[in-house]
Protein backbone atom coordinates (compact mmCIF):
# COMPACT_ATOMS: atom_id res chain seq x y z
CA MET A 1 -48.70 38.36 -108.81
CA SER A 2 -47.46 37.21 -105.74
CA LYS A 3 -43.50 37.26 -104.54
CA TYR A 4 -42.21 34.45 -102.64
CA GLU A 5 -39.15 33.82 -99.96
CA TYR A 6 -38.23 30.52 -98.94
CA ASN A 7 -36.23 28.97 -96.26
CA TYR A 8 -33.99 25.83 -96.04
CA VAL A 9 -33.18 23.89 -92.99
CA SER A 10 -30.87 21.04 -93.03
CA ILE A 11 -31.35 17.58 -90.30
CA LEU A 12 -28.47 15.95 -90.30
CA VAL A 13 -28.43 11.75 -90.66
CA GLY A 14 -27.27 9.60 -88.19
CA THR A 15 -24.48 7.77 -90.24
CA ILE A 16 -24.58 4.28 -88.34
CA SER A 17 -28.13 4.55 -87.31
CA GLY A 18 -29.92 6.44 -89.89
CA LYS A 19 -31.70 8.65 -87.40
CA LEU A 20 -32.55 12.33 -87.50
CA LYS A 21 -30.50 14.67 -85.69
CA GLU A 22 -34.00 16.48 -85.04
CA ASP A 23 -37.65 15.66 -85.26
CA TYR A 24 -38.62 16.75 -88.71
CA ARG A 25 -42.41 17.15 -87.28
CA GLN A 26 -40.99 19.54 -84.39
CA VAL A 27 -39.32 21.57 -87.40
CA ILE A 28 -42.50 21.83 -89.66
CA ASP A 29 -44.53 22.95 -86.81
CA ARG A 30 -41.77 25.88 -85.27
CA TYR A 31 -41.87 27.34 -89.10
CA ALA A 32 -45.21 27.04 -89.41
CA ALA A 33 -46.21 29.41 -86.36
CA ASP A 34 -43.83 31.79 -87.85
CA GLY A 35 -46.50 31.63 -90.61
CA TRP A 36 -43.80 29.21 -92.97
CA LYS A 37 -46.03 26.93 -95.26
CA LEU A 38 -43.56 23.09 -95.67
CA HIS A 39 -42.69 23.46 -99.51
CA SER A 40 -40.54 20.09 -100.18
CA LEU A 41 -38.59 17.50 -98.60
CA VAL A 42 -35.18 16.76 -100.42
CA PRO A 43 -33.15 13.43 -99.12
CA MET A 44 -29.80 15.06 -100.09
CA PRO A 45 -26.80 13.31 -101.20
CA LEU A 46 -26.83 9.70 -100.94
CA LEU A 47 -24.48 7.19 -98.80
CA ALA A 48 -22.82 4.05 -99.49
CA GLY A 49 -25.74 2.25 -99.66
CA GLY A 50 -28.36 4.92 -100.80
CA GLN A 51 -28.90 6.20 -96.66
CA ALA A 52 -29.10 9.92 -97.31
CA SER A 53 -27.04 12.25 -95.17
CA VAL A 54 -28.82 14.95 -94.71
CA LEU A 55 -32.69 16.08 -95.49
CA ASP A 56 -33.43 19.23 -96.46
CA LEU A 57 -36.78 21.51 -95.66
CA ILE A 58 -37.26 24.13 -97.91
CA PHE A 59 -40.23 26.45 -96.52
CA GLU A 60 -41.99 29.08 -98.40
CA ARG A 61 -44.79 31.83 -97.77
CA ILE A 62 -45.74 35.16 -99.34
CA ILE A 63 -43.71 38.39 -99.21
CA GLU A 64 -46.19 41.03 -98.60
């Protein structure tokens, strides 16, 4: 049975603009180059009006 390790990356969302502080596609590409696979995206605690304040990217890879 395979064992996995996980890495969590948080990207802040601008409270006024609603824009991500970092391009999530570049983060995914950077981690993929190191052998990580994107497992999921999770919008974290919502601000007033339903806006996410942080986007968590969860990466996984098999432990060898």
